[in-house]
PDB file of N, CA and C in Angstrom:
ATOM      1  N   UNK A   1     -62.335 -76.767 290.934  1.00  0.00           N
ATOM      2  CA  UNK A   1     -61.530 -76.512 292.048  1.00  0.00           C
ATOM      3  C   UNK A   1     -60.228 -77.311 291.965  1.00  0.00           C
ATOM      4  N   UNK A   2     -59.194 -76.625 292.434  1.00  0.00           N
ATOM      5  CA  UNK A   2     -57.922 -77.241 292.400  1.00  0.00           C
ATOM      6  C   UNK A   2     -57.274 -77.160 293.823  1.00  0.00           C
ATOM      7  N   UNK A   3     -56.961 -78.244 294.438  1.00  0.00           N
ATOM      8  CA  UNK A   3     -56.327 -78.191 295.748  1.00  0.00           C
ATOM      9  C   UNK A   3     -54.835 -78.598 295.609  1.00  0.00           C
ATOM     10  N   UNK A   4     -54.004 -77.738 296.029  1.00  0.00           N
ATOM     11  CA  UNK A   4     -52.596 -78.039 295.859  1.00  0.00           C
ATOM     12  C   UNK A   4     -51.825 -77.971 297.175  1.00  0.00           C
ATOM     13  N   UNK A   5     -50.818 -78.757 297.336  1.00  0.00           N
ATOM     14  CA  UNK A   5     -50.021 -78.622 298.551  1.00  0.00           C
ATOM     15  C   UNK A   5     -48.735 -77.818 298.151  1.00  0.00           C
ATOM     16  N   UNK A   6     -48.459 -76.774 298.781  1.00  0.00           N
ATOM     17  CA  UNK A   6     -47.322 -75.928 298.512  1.00  0.00           C
ATOM     18  C   UNK A   6     -46.156 -76.543 299.090  1.00  0.00           C
ATOM     19  N   UNK A   7     -45.040 -76.634 298.433  1.00  0.00           N
ATOM     20  CA  UNK A   7     -43.792 -77.237 298.969  1.00  0.00           C
ATOM     21  C   UNK A   7     -43.296 -76.399 300.025  1.00  0.00           C
ATOM     22  N   UNK A   8     -42.556 -76.995 301.057  1.00  0.00           N
ATOM     23  CA  UNK A   8     -42.007 -76.175 302.119  1.00  0.00           C
ATOM     24  C   UNK A   8     -40.832 -75.283 301.636  1.00  0.00           C
ATOM     25  N   UNK A   9     -40.629 -74.218 302.400  1.00  0.00           N
ATOM     26  CA  UNK A   9     -39.511 -73.337 302.059  1.00  0.00           C
ATOM     27  C   UNK A   9     -40.066 -71.998 301.666  1.00  0.00           C
ATOM     28  N   UNK A  10     -39.283 -70.976 301.775  1.00  0.00           N
ATOM     29  CA  UNK A  10     -39.799 -69.671 301.497  1.00  0.00           C
ATOM     30  C   UNK A  10     -40.138 -69.429 300.002  1.00  0.00           C
ATOM     31  N   UNK A  11     -41.056 -68.706 299.605  1.00  0.00           N
ATOM     32  CA  UNK A  11     -42.108 -68.114 300.486  1.00  0.00           C
ATOM     33  C   UNK A  11     -43.246 -69.157 300.730  1.00  0.00           C
ATOM     34  N   UNK A  12     -43.496 -69.530 301.926  1.00  0.00           N
ATOM     35  CA  UNK A  12     -44.552 -70.519 302.269  1.00  0.00           C
ATOM     36  C   UNK A  12     -45.851 -69.680 302.453  1.00  0.00           C
ATOM     37  N   UNK A  13     -46.722 -70.008 301.577  1.00  0.00           N
ATOM     38  CA  UNK A  13     -48.081 -69.322 301.607  1.00  0.00           C
ATOM     39  C   UNK A  13     -48.906 -70.009 302.725  1.00  0.00           C
ATOM     40  N   UNK A  14     -49.136 -71.249 302.535  1.00  0.00           N
ATOM     41  CA  UNK A  14     -49.975 -72.042 303.473  1.00  0.00           C
ATOM     42  C   UNK A  14     -49.607 -73.538 303.246  1.00  0.00           C
ATOM     43  N   UNK A  15     -50.045 -74.361 304.179  1.00  0.00           N
ATOM     44  CA  UNK A  15     -49.801 -75.808 304.064  1.00  0.00           C
ATOM     45  C   UNK A  15     -50.707 -76.283 303.055  1.00  0.00           C
ATOM     46  N   UNK A  16     -51.937 -75.822 302.973  1.00  0.00           N
ATOM     47  CA  UNK A  16     -52.923 -76.255 302.030  1.00  0.00           C
ATOM     48  C   UNK A  16     -53.519 -75.052 301.368  1.00  0.00           C
ATOM     49  N   UNK A  17     -53.549 -75.072 300.051  1.00  0.00           N
ATOM     50  CA  UNK A  17     -54.168 -73.966 299.287  1.00  0.00           C
ATOM     51  C   UNK A  17     -55.211 -74.462 298.326  1.00  0.00           C
ATOM     52  N   UNK A  18     -56.328 -73.755 298.292  1.00  0.00           N
ATOM     53  CA  UNK A  18     -57.384 -74.129 297.334  1.00  0.00           C
ATOM     54  C   UNK A  18     -57.464 -72.953 296.367  1.00  0.00           C
ATOM     55  N   UNK A  19     -57.303 -73.218 295.058  1.00  0.00           N
ATOM     56  CA  UNK A  19     -57.439 -72.157 294.083  1.00  0.00           C
ATOM     57  C   UNK A  19     -58.746 -72.393 293.395  1.00  0.00           C
ATOM     58  N   UNK A  20     -59.602 -71.342 293.349  1.00  0.00           N
ATOM     59  CA  UNK A  20     -60.927 -71.539 292.756  1.00  0.00           C
ATOM     60  C   UNK A  20     -60.962 -70.860 291.389  1.00  0.00           C
ATOM     61  N   UNK A  21     -61.370 -71.552 290.350  1.00  0.00           N
ATOM     62  CA  UNK A  21     -61.485 -71.029 289.020  1.00  0.00           C
ATOM     63  C   UNK A  21     -62.933 -71.114 288.582  1.00  0.00           C
ATOM     64  N   UNK A  22     -63.500 -70.195 287.847  1.00  0.00           N
ATOM     65  CA  UNK A  22     -64.860 -70.267 287.405  1.00  0.00           C
ATOM     66  C   UNK A  22     -65.189 -69.187 286.404  1.00  0.00           C
ATOM     67  N   UNK A  23     -66.409 -69.249 285.828  1.00  0.00           N
ATOM     68  CA  UNK A  23     -66.770 -68.329 284.828  1.00  0.00           C
ATOM     69  C   UNK A  23     -66.929 -66.899 285.167  1.00  0.00           C
ATOM     70  N   UNK A  24     -67.246 -66.651 286.494  1.00  0.00           N
ATOM     71  CA  UNK A  24     -67.486 -65.282 286.856  1.00  0.00           C
ATOM     72  C   UNK A  24     -67.247 -65.099 288.390  1.00  0.00           C
ATOM     73  N   UNK A  25     -67.085 -63.897 288.817  1.00  0.00           N
ATOM     74  CA  UNK A  25     -66.746 -63.582 290.179  1.00  0.00           C
ATOM     75  C   UNK A  25     -67.754 -64.142 291.203  1.00  0.00           C
ATOM     76  N   UNK A  26     -69.024 -64.001 290.895  1.00  0.00           N
ATOM     77  CA  UNK A  26     -70.108 -64.512 291.855  1.00  0.00           C
ATOM     78  C   UNK A  26     -69.954 -66.003 292.032  1.00  0.00           C
ATOM     79  N   UNK A  27     -69.749 -66.751 290.918  1.00  0.00           N
ATOM     80  CA  UNK A  27     -69.596 -68.193 291.082  1.00  0.00           C
ATOM     81  C   UNK A  27     -68.383 -68.599 291.812  1.00  0.00           C
ATOM     82  N   UNK A  28     -67.233 -67.939 291.467  1.00  0.00           N
ATOM     83  CA  UNK A  28     -65.990 -68.280 292.240  1.00  0.00           C
ATOM     84  C   UNK A  28     -66.177 -67.932 293.742  1.00  0.00           C
ATOM     85  N   UNK A  29     -66.790 -66.843 294.048  1.00  0.00           N
ATOM     86  CA  UNK A  29     -66.988 -66.470 295.448  1.00  0.00           C
ATOM     87  C   UNK A  29     -67.875 -67.502 296.133  1.00  0.00           C
ATOM     88  N   UNK A  30     -68.951 -67.938 295.507  1.00  0.00           N
ATOM     89  CA  UNK A  30     -69.859 -68.942 296.079  1.00  0.00           C
ATOM     90  C   UNK A  30     -69.170 -70.265 296.378  1.00  0.00           C
ATOM     91  N   UNK A  31     -68.372 -70.695 295.414  1.00  0.00           N
ATOM     92  CA  UNK A  31     -67.643 -71.942 295.611  1.00  0.00           C
ATOM     93  C   UNK A  31     -66.504 -71.787 296.674  1.00  0.00           C
ATOM     94  N   UNK A  32     -65.823 -70.651 296.713  1.00  0.00           N
ATOM     95  CA  UNK A  32     -64.758 -70.347 297.618  1.00  0.00           C
ATOM     96  C   UNK A  32     -65.324 -70.388 299.145  1.00  0.00           C
ATOM     97  N   UNK A  33     -66.523 -69.838 299.272  1.00  0.00           N
ATOM     98  CA  UNK A  33     -67.113 -69.747 300.571  1.00  0.00           C
ATOM     99  C   UNK A  33     -67.512 -71.227 301.020  1.00  0.00           C
ATOM    100  N   UNK A  34     -68.019 -72.021 300.025  1.00  0.00           N
ATOM    101  CA  UNK A  34     -68.281 -73.410 300.368  1.00  0.00           C
ATOM    102  C   UNK A  34     -67.020 -74.195 300.727  1.00  0.00           C
ATOM    103  N   UNK A  35     -65.914 -73.976 300.050  1.00  0.00           N
ATOM    104  CA  UNK A  35     -64.633 -74.663 300.371  1.00  0.00           C
ATOM    105  C   UNK A  35     -64.218 -74.194 301.746  1.00  0.00           C
ATOM    106  N   UNK A  36     -64.281 -72.927 302.058  1.00  0.00           N
ATOM    107  CA  UNK A  36     -63.885 -72.387 303.307  1.00  0.00           C
ATOM    108  C   UNK A  36     -64.731 -73.069 304.471  1.00  0.00           C
ATOM    109  N   UNK A  37     -65.917 -73.261 304.269  1.00  0.00           N
ATOM    110  CA  UNK A  37     -66.782 -73.937 305.268  1.00  0.00           C
ATOM    111  C   UNK A  37     -66.377 -75.338 305.448  1.00  0.00           C
ATOM    112  N   UNK A  38     -66.076 -75.983 304.358  1.00  0.00           N
ATOM    113  CA  UNK A  38     -65.638 -77.414 304.472  1.00  0.00           C
ATOM    114  C   UNK A  38     -64.274 -77.505 305.204  1.00  0.00           C
ATOM    115  N   UNK A  39     -63.347 -76.614 304.867  1.00  0.00           N
ATOM    116  CA  UNK A  39     -62.106 -76.616 305.581  1.00  0.00           C
ATOM    117  C   UNK A  39     -62.269 -76.289 307.013  1.00  0.00           C
ATOM    118  N   UNK A  40     -63.173 -75.376 307.402  1.00  0.00           N
ATOM    119  CA  UNK A  40     -63.397 -75.007 308.762  1.00  0.00           C
ATOM    120  C   UNK A  40     -64.028 -76.227 309.549  1.00  0.00           C
ATOM    121  N   UNK A  41     -64.739 -77.028 308.834  1.00  0.00           N
ATOM    122  CA  UNK A  41     -65.429 -78.201 309.489  1.00  0.00           C
ATOM    123  C   UNK A  41     -64.489 -79.306 309.719  1.00  0.00           C
ATOM    124  N   UNK A  42     -63.323 -79.307 309.119  1.00  0.00           N
ATOM    125  CA  UNK A  42     -62.320 -80.438 309.248  1.00  0.00           C
ATOM    126  C   UNK A  42     -61.526 -80.244 310.490  1.00  0.00           C
ATOM    127  N   UNK A  43     -61.417 -81.245 311.340  1.00  0.00           N
ATOM    128  CA  UNK A  43     -60.772 -81.106 312.693  1.00  0.00           C
ATOM    129  C   UNK A  43     -59.183 -80.716 312.579  1.00  0.00           C
ATOM    130  N   UNK A  44     -58.560 -81.156 311.448  1.00  0.00           N
ATOM    131  CA  UNK A  44     -57.083 -80.974 311.360  1.00  0.00           C
ATOM    132  C   UNK A  44     -56.786 -79.563 310.815  1.00  0.00           C
ATOM    133  N   UNK A  45     -57.733 -78.781 310.308  1.00  0.00           N
ATOM    134  CA  UNK A  45     -57.438 -77.451 309.839  1.00  0.00           C
ATOM    135  C   UNK A  45     -57.664 -76.475 310.917  1.00  0.00           C
ATOM    136  N   UNK A  46     -56.585 -75.779 311.259  1.00  0.00           N
ATOM    137  CA  UNK A  46     -56.640 -74.899 312.472  1.00  0.00           C
ATOM    138  C   UNK A  46     -56.650 -73.448 312.106  1.00  0.00           C
ATOM    139  N   UNK A  47     -56.387 -72.997 310.837  1.00  0.00           N
ATOM    140  CA  UNK A  47     -56.301 -71.651 310.439  1.00  0.00           C
ATOM    141  C   UNK A  47     -56.789 -71.513 309.106  1.00  0.00           C
ATOM    142  N   UNK A  48     -57.715 -70.600 308.796  1.00  0.00           N
ATOM    143  CA  UNK A  48     -58.203 -70.360 307.394  1.00  0.00           C
ATOM    144  C   UNK A  48     -57.966 -68.982 307.060  1.00  0.00           C
ATOM    145  N   UNK A  49     -57.365 -68.738 305.944  1.00  0.00           N
ATOM    146  CA  UNK A  49     -57.134 -67.417 305.369  1.00  0.00           C
ATOM    147  C   UNK A  49     -57.776 -67.326 303.979  1.00  0.00           C
ATOM    148  N   UNK A  50     -58.683 -66.385 303.737  1.00  0.00           N
ATOM    149  CA  UNK A  50     -59.326 -66.240 302.469  1.00  0.00           C
ATOM    150  C   UNK A  50     -58.911 -64.977 301.849  1.00  0.00           C
ATOM    151  N   UNK A  51     -58.708 -64.981 300.568  1.00  0.00           N
ATOM    152  CA  UNK A  51     -58.308 -63.741 299.858  1.00  0.00           C
ATOM    153  C   UNK A  51     -59.459 -63.087 299.180  1.00  0.00           C
ATOM    154  N   UNK A  52     -60.657 -63.452 299.525  1.00  0.00           N
ATOM    155  CA  UNK A  52     -61.863 -62.735 298.957  1.00  0.00           C
ATOM    156  C   UNK A  52     -61.911 -61.373 299.547  1.00  0.00           C
ATOM    157  N   UNK A  53     -62.330 -60.460 298.634  1.00  0.00           N
ATOM    158  CA  UNK A  53     -62.465 -59.043 299.041  1.00  0.00           C
ATOM    159  C   UNK A  53     -63.876 -58.744 299.529  1.00  0.00           C
ATOM    160  N   UNK A  54     -63.973 -58.056 300.602  1.00  0.00           N
ATOM    161  CA  UNK A  54     -65.323 -57.594 301.005  1.00  0.00           C
ATOM    162  C   UNK A  54     -65.821 -56.460 300.131  1.00  0.00           C
ATOM    163  N   UNK A  55     -67.123 -56.376 299.961  1.00  0.00           N
ATOM    164  CA  UNK A  55     -67.592 -55.289 299.117  1.00  0.00           C
ATOM    165  C   UNK A  55     -67.172 -53.882 299.646  1.00  0.00           C
ATOM    166  N   UNK A  56     -66.746 -53.011 298.708  1.00  0.00           N
ATOM    167  CA  UNK A  56     -66.266 -51.679 299.129  1.00  0.00           C
ATOM    168  C   UNK A  56     -67.295 -50.642 298.811  1.00  0.00           C
ATOM    169  N   UNK A  57     -67.346 -49.645 299.621  1.00  0.00           N
ATOM    170  CA  UNK A  57     -68.225 -48.524 299.320  1.00  0.00           C
ATOM    171  C   UNK A  57     -67.457 -47.506 298.458  1.00  0.00           C
ATOM    172  N   UNK A  58     -68.090 -47.063 297.408  1.00  0.00           N
ATOM    173  CA  UNK A  58     -67.503 -46.093 296.510  1.00  0.00           C
ATOM    174  C   UNK A  58     -68.035 -44.731 296.827  1.00  0.00           C
ATOM    175  N   UNK A  59     -67.096 -43.801 297.041  1.00  0.00           N
ATOM    176  CA  UNK A  59     -67.513 -42.416 297.297  1.00  0.00           C
ATOM    177  C   UNK A  59     -67.305 -41.523 295.989  1.00  0.00           C
ATOM    178  N   UNK A  60     -68.292 -40.786 295.658  1.00  0.00           N
ATOM    179  CA  UNK A  60     -68.209 -39.911 294.531  1.00  0.00           C
ATOM    180  C   UNK A  60     -68.512 -38.533 294.994  1.00  0.00           C
ATOM    181  N   UNK A  61     -67.631 -37.570 294.731  1.00  0.00           N
ATOM    182  CA  UNK A  61     -67.856 -36.208 295.046  1.00  0.00           C
ATOM    183  C   UNK A  61     -67.950 -35.393 293.815  1.00  0.00           C
ATOM    184  N   UNK A  62     -68.859 -34.497 293.647  1.00  0.00           N
ATOM    185  CA  UNK A  62     -68.984 -33.647 292.485  1.00  0.00           C
ATOM    186  C   UNK A  62     -68.837 -32.234 293.014  1.00  0.00           C
ATOM    187  N   UNK A  63     -67.928 -31.493 292.344  1.00  0.00           N
ATOM    188  CA  UNK A  63     -67.791 -30.102 292.706  1.00  0.00           C
ATOM    189  C   UNK A  63     -68.746 -29.235 291.849  1.00  0.00           C
ATOM    190  N   UNK A  64     -69.561 -28.474 292.565  1.00  0.00           N
ATOM    191  CA  UNK A  64     -70.497 -27.544 291.832  1.00  0.00           C
ATOM    192  C   UNK A  64     -69.631 -26.365 291.470  1.00  0.00           C
ATOM    193  N   UNK A  65     -69.353 -26.176 290.193  1.00  0.00           N
ATOM    194  CA  UNK A  65     -68.415 -25.133 289.814  1.00  0.00           C
ATOM    195  C   UNK A  65     -68.970 -23.737 290.081  1.00  0.00           C
ATOM    196  N   UNK A  66     -70.280 -23.547 290.015  1.00  0.00           N
ATOM    197  CA  UNK A  66     -70.880 -22.281 290.303  1.00  0.00           C
ATOM    198  C   UNK A  66     -70.751 -21.878 291.831  1.00  0.00           C
ATOM    199  N   UNK A  67     -71.009 -22.866 292.669  1.00  0.00           N
ATOM    200  CA  UNK A  67     -70.902 -22.554 294.051  1.00  0.00           C
ATOM    201  C   UNK A  67     -69.487 -22.412 294.543  1.00  0.00           C
ATOM    202  N   UNK A  68     -68.535 -23.172 293.902  1.00  0.00           N
ATOM    203  CA  UNK A  68     -67.153 -23.013 294.221  1.00  0.00           C
ATOM    204  C   UNK A  68     -66.639 -21.601 293.799  1.00  0.00           C
ATOM    205  N   UNK A  69     -67.059 -21.195 292.601  1.00  0.00           N
ATOM    206  CA  UNK A  69     -66.637 -19.818 292.122  1.00  0.00           C
ATOM    207  C   UNK A  69     -67.214 -18.736 292.955  1.00  0.00           C
ATOM    208  N   UNK A  70     -68.510 -18.965 293.407  1.00  0.00           N
ATOM    209  CA  UNK A  70     -69.050 -17.836 294.251  1.00  0.00           C
ATOM    210  C   UNK A  70     -68.414 -17.861 295.569  1.00  0.00           C
ATOM    211  N   UNK A  71     -67.852 -18.999 296.064  1.00  0.00           N
ATOM    212  CA  UNK A  71     -67.128 -19.000 297.305  1.00  0.00           C
ATOM    213  C   UNK A  71     -65.684 -18.609 297.217  1.00  0.00           C
ATOM    214  N   UNK A  72     -65.236 -18.397 295.983  1.00  0.00           N
ATOM    215  CA  UNK A  72     -63.848 -18.020 295.747  1.00  0.00           C
ATOM    216  C   UNK A  72     -62.889 -19.239 295.877  1.00  0.00           C
ATOM    217  N   UNK A  73     -63.334 -20.366 295.684  1.00  0.00           N
ATOM    218  CA  UNK A  73     -62.560 -21.567 295.763  1.00  0.00           C
ATOM    219  C   UNK A  73     -62.345 -22.241 294.458  1.00  0.00           C
ATOM    220  N   UNK A  74     -61.111 -22.449 294.162  1.00  0.00           N
ATOM    221  CA  UNK A  74     -60.754 -23.165 292.906  1.00  0.00           C
ATOM    222  C   UNK A  74     -61.232 -24.610 292.902  1.00  0.00           C
ATOM    223  N   UNK A  75     -61.729 -25.108 291.846  1.00  0.00           N
ATOM    224  CA  UNK A  75     -62.242 -26.411 291.788  1.00  0.00           C
ATOM    225  C   UNK A  75     -61.072 -27.458 292.020  1.00  0.00           C
ATOM    226  N   UNK A  76     -59.910 -27.203 291.461  1.00  0.00           N
ATOM    227  CA  UNK A  76     -58.798 -28.145 291.641  1.00  0.00           C
ATOM    228  C   UNK A  76     -58.341 -28.210 293.130  1.00  0.00           C
ATOM    229  N   UNK A  77     -58.541 -27.100 293.858  1.00  0.00           N
ATOM    230  CA  UNK A  77     -58.194 -27.061 295.310  1.00  0.00           C
ATOM    231  C   UNK A  77     -59.167 -27.976 296.030  1.00  0.00           C
ATOM    232  N   UNK A  78     -60.421 -27.952 295.751  1.00  0.00           N
ATOM    233  CA  UNK A  78     -61.346 -28.846 296.355  1.00  0.00           C
ATOM    234  C   UNK A  78     -60.991 -30.314 296.127  1.00  0.00           C
ATOM    235  N   UNK A  79     -60.610 -30.588 294.849  1.00  0.00           N
ATOM    236  CA  UNK A  79     -60.181 -31.915 294.549  1.00  0.00           C
ATOM    237  C   UNK A  79     -58.948 -32.330 295.308  1.00  0.00           C
ATOM    238  N   UNK A  80     -57.932 -31.488 295.489  1.00  0.00           N
ATOM    239  CA  UNK A  80     -56.731 -31.785 296.263  1.00  0.00           C
ATOM    240  C   UNK A  80     -57.075 -32.038 297.695  1.00  0.00           C
ATOM    241  N   UNK A  81     -57.905 -31.237 298.271  1.00  0.00           N
ATOM    242  CA  UNK A  81     -58.258 -31.335 299.694  1.00  0.00           C
ATOM    243  C   UNK A  81     -59.075 -32.619 299.924  1.00  0.00           C
ATOM    244  N   UNK A  82     -60.010 -32.936 299.113  1.00  0.00           N
ATOM    245  CA  UNK A  82     -60.745 -34.217 299.249  1.00  0.00           C
ATOM    246  C   UNK A  82     -59.815 -35.407 299.086  1.00  0.00           C
ATOM    247  N   UNK A  83     -58.916 -35.237 298.113  1.00  0.00           N
ATOM    248  CA  UNK A  83     -57.953 -36.412 297.910  1.00  0.00           C
ATOM    249  C   UNK A  83     -57.135 -36.624 299.161  1.00  0.00           C
ATOM    250  N   UNK A  84     -56.635 -35.563 299.771  1.00  0.00           N
ATOM    251  CA  UNK A  84     -55.881 -35.658 300.992  1.00  0.00           C
ATOM    252  C   UNK A  84     -56.683 -36.204 302.127  1.00  0.00           C
ATOM    253  N   UNK A  85     -57.951 -35.737 302.276  1.00  0.00           N
ATOM    254  CA  UNK A  85     -58.821 -36.125 303.332  1.00  0.00           C
ATOM    255  C   UNK A  85     -59.207 -37.609 303.248  1.00  0.00           C
ATOM    256  N   UNK A  86     -59.437 -38.092 302.082  1.00  0.00           N
ATOM    257  CA  UNK A  86     -59.903 -39.471 301.826  1.00  0.00           C
ATOM    258  C   UNK A  86     -58.701 -40.400 301.806  1.00  0.00           C
ATOM    259  N   UNK A  87     -57.695 -40.058 301.065  1.00  0.00           N
ATOM    260  CA  UNK A  87     -56.601 -40.994 300.729  1.00  0.00           C
ATOM    261  C   UNK A  87     -55.379 -40.720 301.609  1.00  0.00           C
ATOM    262  N   UNK A  88     -55.242 -39.656 302.277  1.00  0.00           N
ATOM    263  CA  UNK A  88     -54.008 -39.362 303.037  1.00  0.00           C
ATOM    264  C   UNK A  88     -52.919 -38.813 302.116  1.00  0.00           C
ATOM    265  N   UNK A  89     -51.836 -38.399 302.693  1.00  0.00           N
ATOM    266  CA  UNK A  89     -50.765 -37.828 301.944  1.00  0.00           C
ATOM    267  C   UNK A  89     -50.081 -38.931 301.152  1.00  0.00           C
ATOM    268  N   UNK A  90     -49.501 -38.540 299.970  1.00  0.00           N
ATOM    269  CA  UNK A  90     -48.792 -39.536 299.187  1.00  0.00           C
ATOM    270  C   UNK A  90     -47.414 -39.802 299.715  1.00  0.00           C
ATOM    271  N   UNK A  91     -46.670 -40.631 299.055  1.00  0.00           N
ATOM    272  CA  UNK A  91     -45.275 -40.934 299.517  1.00  0.00           C
ATOM    273  C   UNK A  91     -44.395 -39.734 299.318  1.00  0.00           C
ATOM    274  N   UNK A  92     -43.364 -39.537 300.075  1.00  0.00           N
ATOM    275  CA  UNK A  92     -42.418 -38.479 299.896  1.00  0.00           C
ATOM    276  C   UNK A  92     -42.915 -37.198 300.454  1.00  0.00           C
ATOM    277  N   UNK A  93     -43.752 -37.243 301.486  1.00  0.00           N
ATOM    278  CA  UNK A  93     -44.331 -36.037 302.108  1.00  0.00           C
ATOM    279  C   UNK A  93     -43.427 -35.330 303.094  1.00  0.00           C
ATOM    280  N   UNK A  94     -42.199 -35.583 303.124  1.00  0.00           N
ATOM    281  CA  UNK A  94     -41.316 -34.934 304.099  1.00  0.00           C
ATOM    282  C   UNK A  94     -40.139 -34.307 303.384  1.00  0.00           C
ATOM    283  N   UNK A  95     -39.399 -33.508 304.100  1.00  0.00           N
ATOM    284  CA  UNK A  95     -38.162 -32.894 303.608  1.00  0.00           C
ATOM    285  C   UNK A  95     -38.415 -31.708 302.684  1.00  0.00           C
ATOM    286  N   UNK A  96     -39.488 -30.993 302.748  1.00  0.00           N
ATOM    287  CA  UNK A  96     -39.767 -29.875 301.943  1.00  0.00           C
ATOM    288  C   UNK A  96     -38.927 -28.631 302.359  1.00  0.00           C
ATOM    289  N   UNK A  97     -38.130 -28.137 301.474  1.00  0.00           N
ATOM    290  CA  UNK A  97     -37.290 -26.963 301.694  1.00  0.00           C
ATOM    291  C   UNK A  97     -36.537 -26.973 302.961  1.00  0.00           C
ATOM    292  N   UNK A  98     -35.980 -28.085 303.287  1.00  0.00           N
ATOM    293  CA  UNK A  98     -35.117 -28.201 304.532  1.00  0.00           C
ATOM    294  C   UNK A  98     -35.783 -28.282 305.846  1.00  0.00           C
ATOM    295  N   UNK A  99     -37.126 -28.320 305.852  1.00  0.00           N
ATOM    296  CA  UNK A  99     -37.858 -28.339 307.081  1.00  0.00           C
ATOM    297  C   UNK A  99     -37.683 -29.732 307.819  1.00  0.00           C
ATOM    298  N   UNK A 100     -37.798 -29.725 309.084  1.00  0.00           N
ATOM    299  CA  UNK A 100     -37.738 -30.994 309.861  1.00  0.00           C
ATOM    300  C   UNK A 100     -39.093 -31.561 310.157  1.00  0.00           C
ATOM    301  N   UNK A 101     -40.155 -30.746 309.703  1.00  0.00           N
ATOM    302  CA  UNK A 101     -41.496 -31.237 309.931  1.00  0.00           C
ATOM    303  C   UNK A 101     -41.878 -32.438 309.125  1.00  0.00           C
ATOM    304  N   UNK A 102     -42.558 -33.465 309.685  1.00  0.00           N
ATOM    305  CA  UNK A 102     -42.911 -34.601 308.892  1.00  0.00           C
ATOM    306  C   UNK A 102     -44.087 -34.368 308.026  1.00  0.00           C
ATOM    307  N   UNK A 103     -44.661 -33.161 308.115  1.00  0.00           N
ATOM    308  CA  UNK A 103     -45.892 -32.897 307.316  1.00  0.00           C
ATOM    309  C   UNK A 103     -45.504 -31.894 306.225  1.00  0.00           C
ATOM    310  N   UNK A 104     -46.073 -32.163 305.084  1.00  0.00           N
ATOM    311  CA  UNK A 104     -45.822 -31.390 303.880  1.00  0.00           C
ATOM    312  C   UNK A 104     -46.933 -30.336 303.743  1.00  0.00           C
ATOM    313  N   UNK A 105     -46.548 -29.089 303.562  1.00  0.00           N
ATOM    314  CA  UNK A 105     -47.674 -28.090 303.340  1.00  0.00           C
ATOM    315  C   UNK A 105     -48.310 -28.231 302.084  1.00  0.00           C
ATOM    316  N   UNK A 106     -49.487 -27.625 302.014  1.00  0.00           N
ATOM    317  CA  UNK A 106     -50.119 -27.657 300.612  1.00  0.00           C
ATOM    318  C   UNK A 106     -49.464 -26.585 299.691  1.00  0.00           C
ATOM    319  N   UNK A 107     -49.910 -26.585 298.461  1.00  0.00           N
ATOM    320  CA  UNK A 107     -49.255 -25.720 297.463  1.00  0.00           C
ATOM    321  C   UNK A 107     -49.398 -24.188 297.710  1.00  0.00           C
ATOM    322  N   UNK A 108     -50.304 -23.904 298.597  1.00  0.00           N
ATOM    323  CA  UNK A 108     -50.517 -22.428 298.951  1.00  0.00           C
ATOM    324  C   UNK A 108     -49.408 -21.887 299.860  1.00  0.00           C
ATOM    325  N   UNK A 109     -48.608 -22.814 300.515  1.00  0.00           N
ATOM    326  CA  UNK A 109     -47.515 -22.364 301.334  1.00  0.00           C
ATOM    327  C   UNK A 109     -46.188 -22.366 300.471  1.00  0.00           C
ATOM    328  N   UNK A 110     -45.787 -21.218 300.088  1.00  0.00           N
ATOM    329  CA  UNK A 110     -44.583 -21.218 299.266  1.00  0.00           C
ATOM    330  C   UNK A 110     -43.518 -20.279 299.871  1.00  0.00           C
TER     331      UNK A 110
END
């Protein structure tokens, strides 16, 4: 473990920073949580910010090509729609063909 005091002035991250190094993610996380608990128990520490990431759920969608074909739906269209539904529109989604609408239509609107 390495505890460093960041010098004042921009960009100021924190008054006190603990950088945790270790052989694997599980060990680093265990040590980081212990350090966080010790910081929290100290009366002069008033705010704790941890950059550990919470476990994320991974979603996997598989397009059944046969069902898609029977429904008259192109597989790439399903991928586009799921991408938009899960991740939202990408950057630059405005200004299509001079429209004032903030929403960009799909590729089927030409």
